PDB file of N, CA and C in Angstrom:
ATOM      1  N   MET A   1      23.584 -16.320   2.980  1.00  0.00           N
ATOM      2  CA  MET A   1      22.461 -15.422   3.059  1.00  0.00           C
ATOM      3  C   MET A   1      22.728 -14.423   4.182  1.00  0.00           C
ATOM      4  N   SER A   2      22.591 -13.160   3.895  1.00  0.00           N
ATOM      5  CA  SER A   2      22.807 -12.148   4.926  1.00  0.00           C
ATOM      6  C   SER A   2      21.464 -11.693   5.484  1.00  0.00           C
ATOM      7  N   VAL A   3      21.486 -11.331   6.731  1.00  0.00           N
ATOM      8  CA  VAL A   3      20.287 -10.840   7.400  1.00  0.00           C
ATOM      9  C   VAL A   3      20.392  -9.334   7.472  1.00  0.00           C
ATOM     10  N   PRO A   4      19.368  -8.599   7.005  1.00  0.00           N
ATOM     11  CA  PRO A   4      19.439  -7.141   7.048  1.00  0.00           C
ATOM     12  C   PRO A   4      19.476  -6.639   8.486  1.00  0.00           C
ATOM     13  N   SER A   5      20.180  -5.562   8.698  1.00  0.00           N
ATOM     14  CA  SER A   5      20.203  -4.951  10.025  1.00  0.00           C
ATOM     15  C   SER A   5      18.843  -4.327  10.297  1.00  0.00           C
ATOM     16  N   SER A   6      18.558  -4.057  11.567  1.00  0.00           N
ATOM     17  CA  SER A   6      17.264  -3.451  11.895  1.00  0.00           C
ATOM     18  C   SER A   6      17.116  -2.099  11.209  1.00  0.00           C
ATOM     19  N   GLY A   7      18.220  -1.381  11.008  1.00  0.00           N
ATOM     20  CA  GLY A   7      18.163  -0.109  10.281  1.00  0.00           C
ATOM     21  C   GLY A   7      17.718  -0.319   8.849  1.00  0.00           C
ATOM     22  N   SER A   8      18.170  -1.406   8.228  1.00  0.00           N
ATOM     23  CA  SER A   8      17.752  -1.721   6.858  1.00  0.00           C
ATOM     24  C   SER A   8      16.274  -2.043   6.805  1.00  0.00           C
ATOM     25  N   LEU A   9      15.783  -2.753   7.828  1.00  0.00           N
ATOM     26  CA  LEU A   9      14.365  -3.096   7.863  1.00  0.00           C
ATOM     27  C   LEU A   9      13.510  -1.844   7.998  1.00  0.00           C
ATOM     28  N   VAL A  10      13.934  -0.916   8.852  1.00  0.00           N
ATOM     29  CA  VAL A  10      13.198   0.339   9.013  1.00  0.00           C
ATOM     30  C   VAL A  10      13.194   1.096   7.692  1.00  0.00           C
ATOM     31  N   HIS A  11      14.344   1.181   7.036  1.00  0.00           N
ATOM     32  CA  HIS A  11      14.415   1.860   5.742  1.00  0.00           C
ATOM     33  C   HIS A  11      13.489   1.190   4.735  1.00  0.00           C
ATOM     34  N   SER A  12      13.449  -0.126   4.722  1.00  0.00           N
ATOM     35  CA  SER A  12      12.600  -0.869   3.798  1.00  0.00           C
ATOM     36  C   SER A  12      11.125  -0.567   4.056  1.00  0.00           C
ATOM     37  N   ARG A  13      10.710  -0.585   5.336  1.00  0.00           N
ATOM     38  CA  ARG A  13       9.309  -0.279   5.676  1.00  0.00           C
ATOM     39  C   ARG A  13       8.980   1.151   5.276  1.00  0.00           C
ATOM     40  N   ASN A  14       9.886   2.084   5.575  1.00  0.00           N
ATOM     41  CA  ASN A  14       9.645   3.480   5.227  1.00  0.00           C
ATOM     42  C   ASN A  14       9.547   3.656   3.719  1.00  0.00           C
ATOM     43  N   SER A  15      10.367   2.970   2.963  1.00  0.00           N
ATOM     44  CA  SER A  15      10.295   3.040   1.501  1.00  0.00           C
ATOM     45  C   SER A  15       8.955   2.524   1.003  1.00  0.00           C
ATOM     46  N   THR A  16       8.478   1.453   1.612  1.00  0.00           N
ATOM     47  CA  THR A  16       7.179   0.897   1.234  1.00  0.00           C
ATOM     48  C   THR A  16       6.070   1.888   1.540  1.00  0.00           C
ATOM     49  N   LEU A  17       6.091   2.490   2.725  1.00  0.00           N
ATOM     50  CA  LEU A  17       5.082   3.482   3.085  1.00  0.00           C
ATOM     51  C   LEU A  17       5.099   4.650   2.104  1.00  0.00           C
ATOM     52  N   ARG A  18       6.279   5.115   1.782  1.00  0.00           N
ATOM     53  CA  ARG A  18       6.421   6.242   0.858  1.00  0.00           C
ATOM     54  C   ARG A  18       5.826   5.890  -0.510  1.00  0.00           C
ATOM     55  N   LYS A  19       6.074   4.697  -1.002  1.00  0.00           N
ATOM     56  CA  LYS A  19       5.551   4.274  -2.305  1.00  0.00           C
ATOM     57  C   LYS A  19       4.033   4.191  -2.304  1.00  0.00           C
ATOM     58  N   VAL A  20       3.450   3.773  -1.204  1.00  0.00           N
ATOM     59  CA  VAL A  20       1.996   3.637  -1.114  1.00  0.00           C
ATOM     60  C   VAL A  20       1.304   4.993  -1.258  1.00  0.00           C
ATOM     61  N   VAL A  21       1.859   6.023  -0.645  1.00  0.00           N
ATOM     62  CA  VAL A  21       1.189   7.327  -0.630  1.00  0.00           C
ATOM     63  C   VAL A  21       1.647   8.260  -1.737  1.00  0.00           C
ATOM     64  N   GLU A  22       2.698   7.903  -2.447  1.00  0.00           N
ATOM     65  CA  GLU A  22       3.276   8.773  -3.472  1.00  0.00           C
ATOM     66  C   GLU A  22       2.267   9.132  -4.560  1.00  0.00           C
ATOM     67  N   GLY A  23       2.050  10.426  -4.749  1.00  0.00           N
ATOM     68  CA  GLY A  23       1.191  10.914  -5.819  1.00  0.00           C
ATOM     69  C   GLY A  23      -0.295  10.725  -5.591  1.00  0.00           C
ATOM     70  N   VAL A  24      -0.680  10.312  -4.404  1.00  0.00           N
ATOM     71  CA  VAL A  24      -2.090  10.064  -4.110  1.00  0.00           C
ATOM     72  C   VAL A  24      -2.547  11.058  -3.057  1.00  0.00           C
ATOM     73  N   PHE A  25      -3.679  11.701  -3.317  1.00  0.00           N
ATOM     74  CA  PHE A  25      -4.248  12.605  -2.318  1.00  0.00           C
ATOM     75  C   PHE A  25      -5.501  11.974  -1.748  1.00  0.00           C
ATOM     76  N   GLN A  26      -5.558  11.917  -0.451  1.00  0.00           N
ATOM     77  CA  GLN A  26      -6.748  11.463   0.269  1.00  0.00           C
ATOM     78  C   GLN A  26      -6.980  12.434   1.414  1.00  0.00           C
ATOM     79  N   PRO A  27      -8.223  12.834   1.663  1.00  0.00           N
ATOM     80  CA  PRO A  27      -8.452  13.708   2.816  1.00  0.00           C
ATOM     81  C   PRO A  27      -8.203  12.978   4.132  1.00  0.00           C
ATOM     82  N   VAL A  28      -8.391  11.652   4.127  1.00  0.00           N
ATOM     83  CA  VAL A  28      -8.161  10.837   5.316  1.00  0.00           C
ATOM     84  C   VAL A  28      -7.556   9.510   4.872  1.00  0.00           C
ATOM     85  N   TRP A  29      -6.510   9.110   5.535  1.00  0.00           N
ATOM     86  CA  TRP A  29      -5.925   7.781   5.335  1.00  0.00           C
ATOM     87  C   TRP A  29      -6.155   7.004   6.623  1.00  0.00           C
ATOM     88  N   LEU A  30      -6.705   5.811   6.520  1.00  0.00           N
ATOM     89  CA  LEU A  30      -6.824   4.928   7.671  1.00  0.00           C
ATOM     90  C   LEU A  30      -5.817   3.804   7.465  1.00  0.00           C
ATOM     91  N   VAL A  31      -4.844   3.759   8.331  1.00  0.00           N
ATOM     92  CA  VAL A  31      -3.792   2.757   8.221  1.00  0.00           C
ATOM     93  C   VAL A  31      -3.938   1.819   9.408  1.00  0.00           C
ATOM     94  N   SER A  32      -4.345   0.610   9.147  1.00  0.00           N
ATOM     95  CA  SER A  32      -4.543  -0.337  10.238  1.00  0.00           C
ATOM     96  C   SER A  32      -3.278  -1.149  10.473  1.00  0.00           C
ATOM     97  N   ASP A  33      -3.149  -1.601  11.689  1.00  0.00           N
ATOM     98  CA  ASP A  33      -2.107  -2.557  12.046  1.00  0.00           C
ATOM     99  C   ASP A  33      -0.698  -1.994  11.972  1.00  0.00           C
ATOM    100  N   THR A  34      -0.537  -0.720  12.291  1.00  0.00           N
ATOM    101  CA  THR A  34       0.801  -0.167  12.437  1.00  0.00           C
ATOM    102  C   THR A  34       1.365  -0.746  13.725  1.00  0.00           C
ATOM    103  N   ARG A  35       2.568  -1.305  13.663  1.00  0.00           N
ATOM    104  CA  ARG A  35       3.059  -2.078  14.793  1.00  0.00           C
ATOM    105  C   ARG A  35       4.333  -1.555  15.435  1.00  0.00           C
ATOM    106  N   ARG A  36       4.977  -0.603  14.815  1.00  0.00           N
ATOM    107  CA  ARG A  36       6.281  -0.160  15.325  1.00  0.00           C
ATOM    108  C   ARG A  36       6.319   1.361  15.478  1.00  0.00           C
ATOM    109  N   VAL A  37       7.094   1.816  16.438  1.00  0.00           N
ATOM    110  CA  VAL A  37       7.258   3.249  16.662  1.00  0.00           C
ATOM    111  C   VAL A  37       7.781   3.916  15.393  1.00  0.00           C
ATOM    112  N   SER A  38       8.677   3.250  14.672  1.00  0.00           N
ATOM    113  CA  SER A  38       9.245   3.846  13.457  1.00  0.00           C
ATOM    114  C   SER A  38       8.171   4.113  12.401  1.00  0.00           C
ATOM    115  N   ASP A  39       7.128   3.284  12.358  1.00  0.00           N
ATOM    116  CA  ASP A  39       6.031   3.515  11.406  1.00  0.00           C
ATOM    117  C   ASP A  39       5.272   4.798  11.764  1.00  0.00           C
ATOM    118  N   ILE A  40       4.963   4.954  13.036  1.00  0.00           N
ATOM    119  CA  ILE A  40       4.265   6.166  13.481  1.00  0.00           C
ATOM    120  C   ILE A  40       5.152   7.385  13.265  1.00  0.00           C
ATOM    121  N   GLN A  41       6.420   7.259  13.563  1.00  0.00           N
ATOM    122  CA  GLN A  41       7.347   8.375  13.356  1.00  0.00           C
ATOM    123  C   GLN A  41       7.362   8.790  11.890  1.00  0.00           C
ATOM    124  N   TRP A  42       7.333   7.815  10.990  1.00  0.00           N
ATOM    125  CA  TRP A  42       7.339   8.142   9.560  1.00  0.00           C
ATOM    126  C   TRP A  42       6.111   8.972   9.200  1.00  0.00           C
ATOM    127  N   PHE A  43       4.936   8.548   9.657  1.00  0.00           N
ATOM    128  CA  PHE A  43       3.716   9.303   9.356  1.00  0.00           C
ATOM    129  C   PHE A  43       3.762  10.692   9.977  1.00  0.00           C
ATOM    130  N   ARG A  44       4.255  10.796  11.183  1.00  0.00           N
ATOM    131  CA  ARG A  44       4.344  12.111  11.824  1.00  0.00           C
ATOM    132  C   ARG A  44       5.327  13.019  11.104  1.00  0.00           C
ATOM    133  N   GLU A  45       6.438  12.469  10.616  1.00  0.00           N
ATOM    134  CA  GLU A  45       7.393  13.275   9.854  1.00  0.00           C
ATOM    135  C   GLU A  45       6.806  13.679   8.506  1.00  0.00           C
ATOM    136  N   ALA A  46       6.061  12.790   7.879  1.00  0.00           N
ATOM    137  CA  ALA A  46       5.499  13.058   6.552  1.00  0.00           C
ATOM    138  C   ALA A  46       4.266  13.957   6.619  1.00  0.00           C
ATOM    139  N   TYR A  47       3.442  13.812   7.647  1.00  0.00           N
ATOM    140  CA  TYR A  47       2.151  14.507   7.688  1.00  0.00           C
ATOM    141  C   TYR A  47       1.951  15.392   8.917  1.00  0.00           C
ATOM    142  N   GLY A  48       2.901  15.403   9.819  1.00  0.00           N
ATOM    143  CA  GLY A  48       2.837  16.292  10.974  1.00  0.00           C
ATOM    144  C   GLY A  48       1.574  16.143  11.791  1.00  0.00           C
ATOM    145  N   ALA A  49       0.974  17.298  12.103  1.00  0.00           N
ATOM    146  CA  ALA A  49      -0.196  17.340  12.978  1.00  0.00           C
ATOM    147  C   ALA A  49      -1.423  16.677  12.378  1.00  0.00           C
ATOM    148  N   LEU A  50      -1.411  16.399  11.086  1.00  0.00           N
ATOM    149  CA  LEU A  50      -2.544  15.697  10.479  1.00  0.00           C
ATOM    150  C   LEU A  50      -2.629  14.240  10.927  1.00  0.00           C
ATOM    151  N   THR A  51      -1.527  13.717  11.415  1.00  0.00           N
ATOM    152  CA  THR A  51      -1.480  12.318  11.843  1.00  0.00           C
ATOM    153  C   THR A  51      -2.214  12.150  13.161  1.00  0.00           C
ATOM    154  N   GLN A  52      -3.129  11.218  13.193  1.00  0.00           N
ATOM    155  CA  GLN A  52      -3.851  10.851  14.401  1.00  0.00           C
ATOM    156  C   GLN A  52      -3.618   9.368  14.634  1.00  0.00           C
ATOM    157  N   THR A  53      -3.284   9.005  15.860  1.00  0.00           N
ATOM    158  CA  THR A  53      -3.045   7.611  16.171  1.00  0.00           C
ATOM    159  C   THR A  53      -4.170   7.075  17.050  1.00  0.00           C
ATOM    160  N   VAL A  54      -4.540   5.831  16.811  1.00  0.00           N
ATOM    161  CA  VAL A  54      -5.618   5.182  17.553  1.00  0.00           C
ATOM    162  C   VAL A  54      -5.079   3.877  18.125  1.00  0.00           C
ATOM    163  N   ARG A  55      -5.274   3.692  19.400  1.00  0.00           N
ATOM    164  CA  ARG A  55      -4.871   2.447  20.065  1.00  0.00           C
ATOM    165  C   ARG A  55      -6.139   1.762  20.557  1.00  0.00           C
ATOM    166  N   VAL A  56      -6.283   0.495  20.255  1.00  0.00           N
ATOM    167  CA  VAL A  56      -7.392  -0.301  20.774  1.00  0.00           C
ATOM    168  C   VAL A  56      -6.824  -1.184  21.875  1.00  0.00           C
ATOM    169  N   VAL A  57      -7.416  -1.103  23.053  1.00  0.00           N
ATOM    170  CA  VAL A  57      -6.952  -1.890  24.188  1.00  0.00           C
ATOM    171  C   VAL A  57      -8.082  -2.770  24.702  1.00  0.00           C
ATOM    172  N   ALA A  58      -7.690  -3.887  25.280  1.00  0.00           N
ATOM    173  CA  ALA A  58      -8.656  -4.794  25.909  1.00  0.00           C
ATOM    174  C   ALA A  58      -7.967  -5.470  27.082  1.00  0.00           C
ATOM    175  N   LEU A  59      -8.704  -5.658  28.144  1.00  0.00           N
ATOM    176  CA  LEU A  59      -8.168  -6.376  29.283  1.00  0.00           C
ATOM    177  C   LEU A  59      -7.852  -7.808  28.864  1.00  0.00           C
ATOM    178  N   GLU A  60      -6.816  -8.371  29.467  1.00  0.00           N
ATOM    179  CA  GLU A  60      -6.440  -9.746  29.129  1.00  0.00           C
ATOM    180  C   GLU A  60      -7.617 -10.694  29.342  1.00  0.00           C
ATOM    181  N   GLN A  61      -8.380 -10.465  30.389  1.00  0.00           N
ATOM    182  CA  GLN A  61      -9.552 -11.301  30.669  1.00  0.00           C
ATOM    183  C   GLN A  61     -10.563 -11.234  29.522  1.00  0.00           C
ATOM    184  N   SER A  62     -10.810 -10.043  28.998  1.00  0.00           N
ATOM    185  CA  SER A  62     -11.731  -9.883  27.868  1.00  0.00           C
ATOM    186  C   SER A  62     -11.208 -10.608  26.639  1.00  0.00           C
ATOM    187  N   ARG A  63      -9.921 -10.496  26.406  1.00  0.00           N
ATOM    188  CA  ARG A  63      -9.312 -11.157  25.243  1.00  0.00           C
ATOM    189  C   ARG A  63      -9.424 -12.670  25.381  1.00  0.00           C
ATOM    190  N   GLN A  64      -9.202 -13.186  26.586  1.00  0.00           N
ATOM    191  CA  GLN A  64      -9.299 -14.627  26.813  1.00  0.00           C
ATOM    192  C   GLN A  64     -10.730 -15.125  26.607  1.00  0.00           C
ATOM    193  N   GLN A  65     -11.705 -14.318  27.020  1.00  0.00           N
ATOM    194  CA  GLN A  65     -13.107 -14.699  26.819  1.00  0.00           C
ATOM    195  C   GLN A  65     -13.455 -14.797  25.337  1.00  0.00           C
ATOM    196  N   ARG A  66     -12.691 -14.085  24.505  1.00  0.00           N
ATOM    197  CA  ARG A  66     -12.908 -14.140  23.056  1.00  0.00           C
ATOM    198  C   ARG A  66     -12.039 -15.215  22.396  1.00  0.00           C
ATOM    199  N   GLY A  67     -11.332 -16.011  23.226  1.00  0.00           N
ATOM    200  CA  GLY A  67     -10.569 -17.124  22.702  1.00  0.00           C
ATOM    201  C   GLY A  67      -9.079 -16.920  22.566  1.00  0.00           C
ATOM    202  N   TRP A  68      -8.580 -15.743  22.960  1.00  0.00           N
ATOM    203  CA  TRP A  68      -7.145 -15.474  22.851  1.00  0.00           C
ATOM    204  C   TRP A  68      -6.380 -16.260  23.904  1.00  0.00           C
ATOM    205  N   VAL A  69      -5.261 -16.847  23.501  1.00  0.00           N
ATOM    206  CA  VAL A  69      -4.361 -17.547  24.404  1.00  0.00           C
ATOM    207  C   VAL A  69      -2.958 -17.013  24.139  1.00  0.00           C
ATOM    208  N   PHE A  70      -2.264 -16.589  25.193  1.00  0.00           N
ATOM    209  CA  PHE A  70      -0.914 -16.063  25.047  1.00  0.00           C
ATOM    210  C   PHE A  70      -0.006 -17.125  24.443  1.00  0.00           C
ATOM    211  N   THR A  71       0.771 -16.727  23.436  1.00  0.00           N
ATOM    212  CA  THR A  71       1.742 -17.610  22.806  1.00  0.00           C
ATOM    213  C   THR A  71       3.106 -16.943  22.902  1.00  0.00           C
ATOM    214  N   ALA A  72       3.995 -17.545  23.705  1.00  0.00           N
ATOM    215  CA  ALA A  72       5.342 -17.006  23.860  1.00  0.00           C
ATOM    216  C   ALA A  72       6.049 -16.993  22.513  1.00  0.00           C
ATOM    217  N   GLY A  73       6.808 -15.938  22.279  1.00  0.00           N
ATOM    218  CA  GLY A  73       7.523 -15.801  21.014  1.00  0.00           C
ATOM    219  C   GLY A  73       6.695 -15.137  19.935  1.00  0.00           C
ATOM    220  N   VAL A  74       5.388 -15.048  20.150  1.00  0.00           N
ATOM    221  CA  VAL A  74       4.493 -14.367  19.218  1.00  0.00           C
ATOM    222  C   VAL A  74       3.920 -13.129  19.902  1.00  0.00           C
ATOM    223  N   ASP A  75       3.205 -13.347  20.992  1.00  0.00           N
ATOM    224  CA  ASP A  75       2.516 -12.242  21.664  1.00  0.00           C
ATOM    225  C   ASP A  75       3.447 -11.332  22.453  1.00  0.00           C
ATOM    226  N   ASP A  76       4.695 -11.724  22.616  1.00  0.00           N
ATOM    227  CA  ASP A  76       5.660 -10.855  23.285  1.00  0.00           C
ATOM    228  C   ASP A  76       6.723 -10.341  22.310  1.00  0.00           C
ATOM    229  N   ALA A  77       6.492 -10.520  21.021  1.00  0.00           N
ATOM    230  CA  ALA A  77       7.415 -10.038  19.986  1.00  0.00           C
ATOM    231  C   ALA A  77       7.160  -8.557  19.706  1.00  0.00           C
ATOM    232  N   GLU A  78       8.150  -7.882  19.126  1.00  0.00           N
ATOM    233  CA  GLU A  78       8.016  -6.456  18.824  1.00  0.00           C
ATOM    234  C   GLU A  78       6.788  -6.175  17.959  1.00  0.00           C
ATOM    235  N   SER A  79       6.497  -7.062  17.032  1.00  0.00           N
ATOM    236  CA  SER A  79       5.360  -6.831  16.136  1.00  0.00           C
ATOM    237  C   SER A  79       4.032  -6.834  16.878  1.00  0.00           C
ATOM    238  N   GLU A  80       3.998  -7.381  18.077  1.00  0.00           N
ATOM    239  CA  GLU A  80       2.765  -7.429  18.865  1.00  0.00           C
ATOM    240  C   GLU A  80       2.739  -6.438  20.018  1.00  0.00           C
ATOM    241  N   CYS A  81       3.908  -6.096  20.541  1.00  0.00           N
ATOM    242  CA  CYS A  81       3.912  -5.232  21.727  1.00  0.00           C
ATOM    243  C   CYS A  81       4.888  -4.061  21.611  1.00  0.00           C
ATOM    244  N   GLY A  82       5.355  -3.791  20.402  1.00  0.00           N
ATOM    245  CA  GLY A  82       6.311  -2.710  20.202  1.00  0.00           C
ATOM    246  C   GLY A  82       5.765  -1.327  20.510  1.00  0.00           C
ATOM    247  N   LEU A  83       4.455  -1.192  20.532  1.00  0.00           N
ATOM    248  CA  LEU A  83       3.845   0.114  20.820  1.00  0.00           C
ATOM    249  C   LEU A  83       3.239   0.182  22.227  1.00  0.00           C
ATOM    250  N   ASP A  84       3.447  -0.864  23.032  1.00  0.00           N
ATOM    251  CA  ASP A  84       2.851  -0.891  24.367  1.00  0.00           C
ATOM    252  C   ASP A  84       3.276   0.273  25.242  1.00  0.00           C
ATOM    253  N   ASN A  85       4.482   0.757  25.075  1.00  0.00           N
ATOM    254  CA  ASN A  85       4.974   1.862  25.906  1.00  0.00           C
ATOM    255  C   ASN A  85       5.057   3.169  25.135  1.00  0.00           C
ATOM    256  N   PHE A  86       4.468   3.207  23.953  1.00  0.00           N
ATOM    257  CA  PHE A  86       4.501   4.421  23.129  1.00  0.00           C
ATOM    258  C   PHE A  86       3.799   5.555  23.849  1.00  0.00           C
ATOM    259  N   GLY A  87       2.597   5.320  24.319  1.00  0.00           N
ATOM    260  CA  GLY A  87       1.910   6.232  25.210  1.00  0.00           C
ATOM    261  C   GLY A  87       1.406   7.544  24.659  1.00  0.00           C
ATOM    262  N   ALA A  88       1.695   7.889  23.425  1.00  0.00           N
ATOM    263  CA  ALA A  88       1.303   9.194  22.901  1.00  0.00           C
ATOM    264  C   ALA A  88       0.207   9.058  21.853  1.00  0.00           C
ATOM    265  N   PHE A  89      -0.761   8.186  22.086  1.00  0.00           N
ATOM    266  CA  PHE A  89      -1.837   7.991  21.124  1.00  0.00           C
ATOM    267  C   PHE A  89      -2.855   9.120  21.244  1.00  0.00           C
ATOM    268  N   ASP A  90      -3.386   9.532  20.115  1.00  0.00           N
ATOM    269  CA  ASP A  90      -4.399  10.581  20.109  1.00  0.00           C
ATOM    270  C   ASP A  90      -5.747  10.054  20.576  1.00  0.00           C
ATOM    271  N   TRP A  91      -6.006   8.810  20.285  1.00  0.00           N
ATOM    272  CA  TRP A  91      -7.268   8.164  20.635  1.00  0.00           C
ATOM    273  C   TRP A  91      -6.962   6.805  21.259  1.00  0.00           C
ATOM    274  N   VAL A  92      -7.651   6.469  22.333  1.00  0.00           N
ATOM    275  CA  VAL A  92      -7.555   5.131  22.915  1.00  0.00           C
ATOM    276  C   VAL A  92      -8.978   4.586  22.993  1.00  0.00           C
ATOM    277  N   VAL A  93      -9.200   3.495  22.309  1.00  0.00           N
ATOM    278  CA  VAL A  93     -10.504   2.839  22.286  1.00  0.00           C
ATOM    279  C   VAL A  93     -10.422   1.621  23.186  1.00  0.00           C
ATOM    280  N   GLU A  94     -11.313   1.572  24.168  1.00  0.00           N
ATOM    281  CA  GLU A  94     -11.340   0.451  25.107  1.00  0.00           C
ATOM    282  C   GLU A  94     -12.350  -0.581  24.638  1.00  0.00           C
ATOM    283  N   ASN A  95     -11.873  -1.799  24.444  1.00  0.00           N
ATOM    284  CA  ASN A  95     -12.717  -2.893  23.961  1.00  0.00           C
ATOM    285  C   ASN A  95     -12.712  -3.998  25.010  1.00  0.00           C
ATOM    286  N   HIS A  96     -13.345  -3.709  26.146  1.00  0.00           N
ATOM    287  CA  HIS A  96     -13.343  -4.637  27.272  1.00  0.00           C
ATOM    288  C   HIS A  96     -14.597  -5.502  27.333  1.00  0.00           C
ATOM    289  N   GLY A  97     -15.454  -5.416  26.342  1.00  0.00           N
ATOM    290  CA  GLY A  97     -16.657  -6.247  26.328  1.00  0.00           C
ATOM    291  C   GLY A  97     -17.952  -5.471  26.507  1.00  0.00           C
ATOM    292  N   ASP A  98     -17.856  -4.182  26.805  1.00  0.00           N
ATOM    293  CA  ASP A  98     -19.048  -3.346  26.951  1.00  0.00           C
ATOM    294  C   ASP A  98     -19.381  -2.774  25.571  1.00  0.00           C
ATOM    295  N   GLU A  99     -20.334  -3.402  24.897  1.00  0.00           N
ATOM    296  CA  GLU A  99     -20.644  -3.015  23.516  1.00  0.00           C
ATOM    297  C   GLU A  99     -21.119  -1.574  23.401  1.00  0.00           C
ATOM    298  N   GLN A 100     -21.922  -1.113  24.345  1.00  0.00           N
ATOM    299  CA  GLN A 100     -22.423   0.260  24.290  1.00  0.00           C
ATOM    300  C   GLN A 100     -21.274   1.260  24.414  1.00  0.00           C
ATOM    301  N   ARG A 101     -20.363   1.008  25.339  1.00  0.00           N
ATOM    302  CA  ARG A 101     -19.213   1.905  25.520  1.00  0.00           C
ATOM    303  C   ARG A 101     -18.328   1.895  24.276  1.00  0.00           C
ATOM    304  N   LEU A 102     -18.114   0.719  23.705  1.00  0.00           N
ATOM    305  CA  LEU A 102     -17.322   0.617  22.482  1.00  0.00           C
ATOM    306  C   LEU A 102     -17.982   1.412  21.359  1.00  0.00           C
ATOM    307  N   GLU A 103     -19.278   1.254  21.207  1.00  0.00           N
ATOM    308  CA  GLU A 103     -20.006   1.966  20.159  1.00  0.00           C
ATOM    309  C   GLU A 103     -19.886   3.485  20.343  1.00  0.00           C
ATOM    310  N   GLU A 104     -19.993   3.969  21.564  1.00  0.00           N
ATOM    311  CA  GLU A 104     -19.859   5.402  21.841  1.00  0.00           C
ATOM    312  C   GLU A 104     -18.484   5.915  21.435  1.00  0.00           C
ATOM    313  N   GLN A 105     -17.458   5.163  21.789  1.00  0.00           N
ATOM    314  CA  GLN A 105     -16.091   5.573  21.446  1.00  0.00           C
ATOM    315  C   GLN A 105     -15.894   5.600  19.934  1.00  0.00           C
ATOM    316  N   LEU A 106     -16.409   4.590  19.256  1.00  0.00           N
ATOM    317  CA  LEU A 106     -16.269   4.529  17.800  1.00  0.00           C
ATOM    318  C   LEU A 106     -17.060   5.632  17.120  1.00  0.00           C
ATOM    319  N   GLU A 107     -18.218   5.979  17.662  1.00  0.00           N
ATOM    320  CA  GLU A 107     -18.998   7.091  17.114  1.00  0.00           C
ATOM    321  C   GLU A 107     -18.206   8.395  17.208  1.00  0.00           C
ATOM    322  N   ASP A 108     -17.535   8.609  18.339  1.00  0.00           N
ATOM    323  CA  ASP A 108     -16.701   9.811  18.495  1.00  0.00           C
ATOM    324  C   ASP A 108     -15.580   9.830  17.463  1.00  0.00           C
ATOM    325  N   LEU A 109     -14.957   8.699  17.260  1.00  0.00           N
ATOM    326  CA  LEU A 109     -13.864   8.606  16.294  1.00  0.00           C
ATOM    327  C   LEU A 109     -14.366   8.817  14.878  1.00  0.00           C
ATOM    328  N   VAL A 110     -15.479   8.222  14.535  1.00  0.00           N
ATOM    329  CA  VAL A 110     -16.060   8.390  13.206  1.00  0.00           C
ATOM    330  C   VAL A 110     -16.463   9.849  12.978  1.00  0.00           C
ATOM    331  N   ALA A 111     -17.025  10.484  13.998  1.00  0.00           N
ATOM    332  CA  ALA A 111     -17.394  11.900  13.877  1.00  0.00           C
ATOM    333  C   ALA A 111     -16.144  12.751  13.622  1.00  0.00           C
ATOM    334  N   PHE A 112     -15.058  12.435  14.286  1.00  0.00           N
ATOM    335  CA  PHE A 112     -13.812  13.156  14.068  1.00  0.00           C
ATOM    336  C   PHE A 112     -13.355  12.977  12.620  1.00  0.00           C
ATOM    337  N   VAL A 113     -13.361  11.743  12.131  1.00  0.00           N
ATOM    338  CA  VAL A 113     -12.942  11.477  10.742  1.00  0.00           C
ATOM    339  C   VAL A 113     -13.831  12.242   9.777  1.00  0.00           C
ATOM    340  N   HIS A 114     -15.124  12.223   9.989  1.00  0.00           N
ATOM    341  CA  HIS A 114     -16.059  12.956   9.117  1.00  0.00           C
ATOM    342  C   HIS A 114     -15.763  14.444   9.138  1.00  0.00           C
ATOM    343  N   SER A 115     -15.315  14.972  10.276  1.00  0.00           N
ATOM    344  CA  SER A 115     -15.017  16.402  10.360  1.00  0.00           C
ATOM    345  C   SER A 115     -13.812  16.770   9.504  1.00  0.00           C
ATOM    346  N   ARG A 116     -13.024  15.799   9.122  1.00  0.00           N
ATOM    347  CA  ARG A 116     -11.825  16.037   8.300  1.00  0.00           C
ATOM    348  C   ARG A 116     -12.087  15.861   6.810  1.00  0.00           C
ATOM    349  N   LEU A 117     -13.271  15.395   6.461  1.00  0.00           N
ATOM    350  CA  LEU A 117     -13.582  15.172   5.030  1.00  0.00           C
ATOM    351  C   LEU A 117     -14.044  16.435   4.364  1.00  0.00           C
TER     352      LEU A 117
END
């Protein structure tokens, strides 16, 4: 059994993304759980300035209060932290436990999406 190179995996993901959007027009696409820089790069190459990225962040303390426990080999894998140093997100939503602040941020994001419809 051969293991695909990381270049093959990127090509495979990009092919999948291309197939999903092929021949379909949507005024707005919401793509959740994008985990790798190559995924964002694909959308930016395909859609340019129309691409908006959203990062949701939470303090480790807030995450722990919600029951999260760090698991080595999972929470430090590329699929979980590959975008930690990306830094070029259009929107950053802070989910630190302040429900009112979270709601305000989401309202701004929803208003932006509505402006594109």
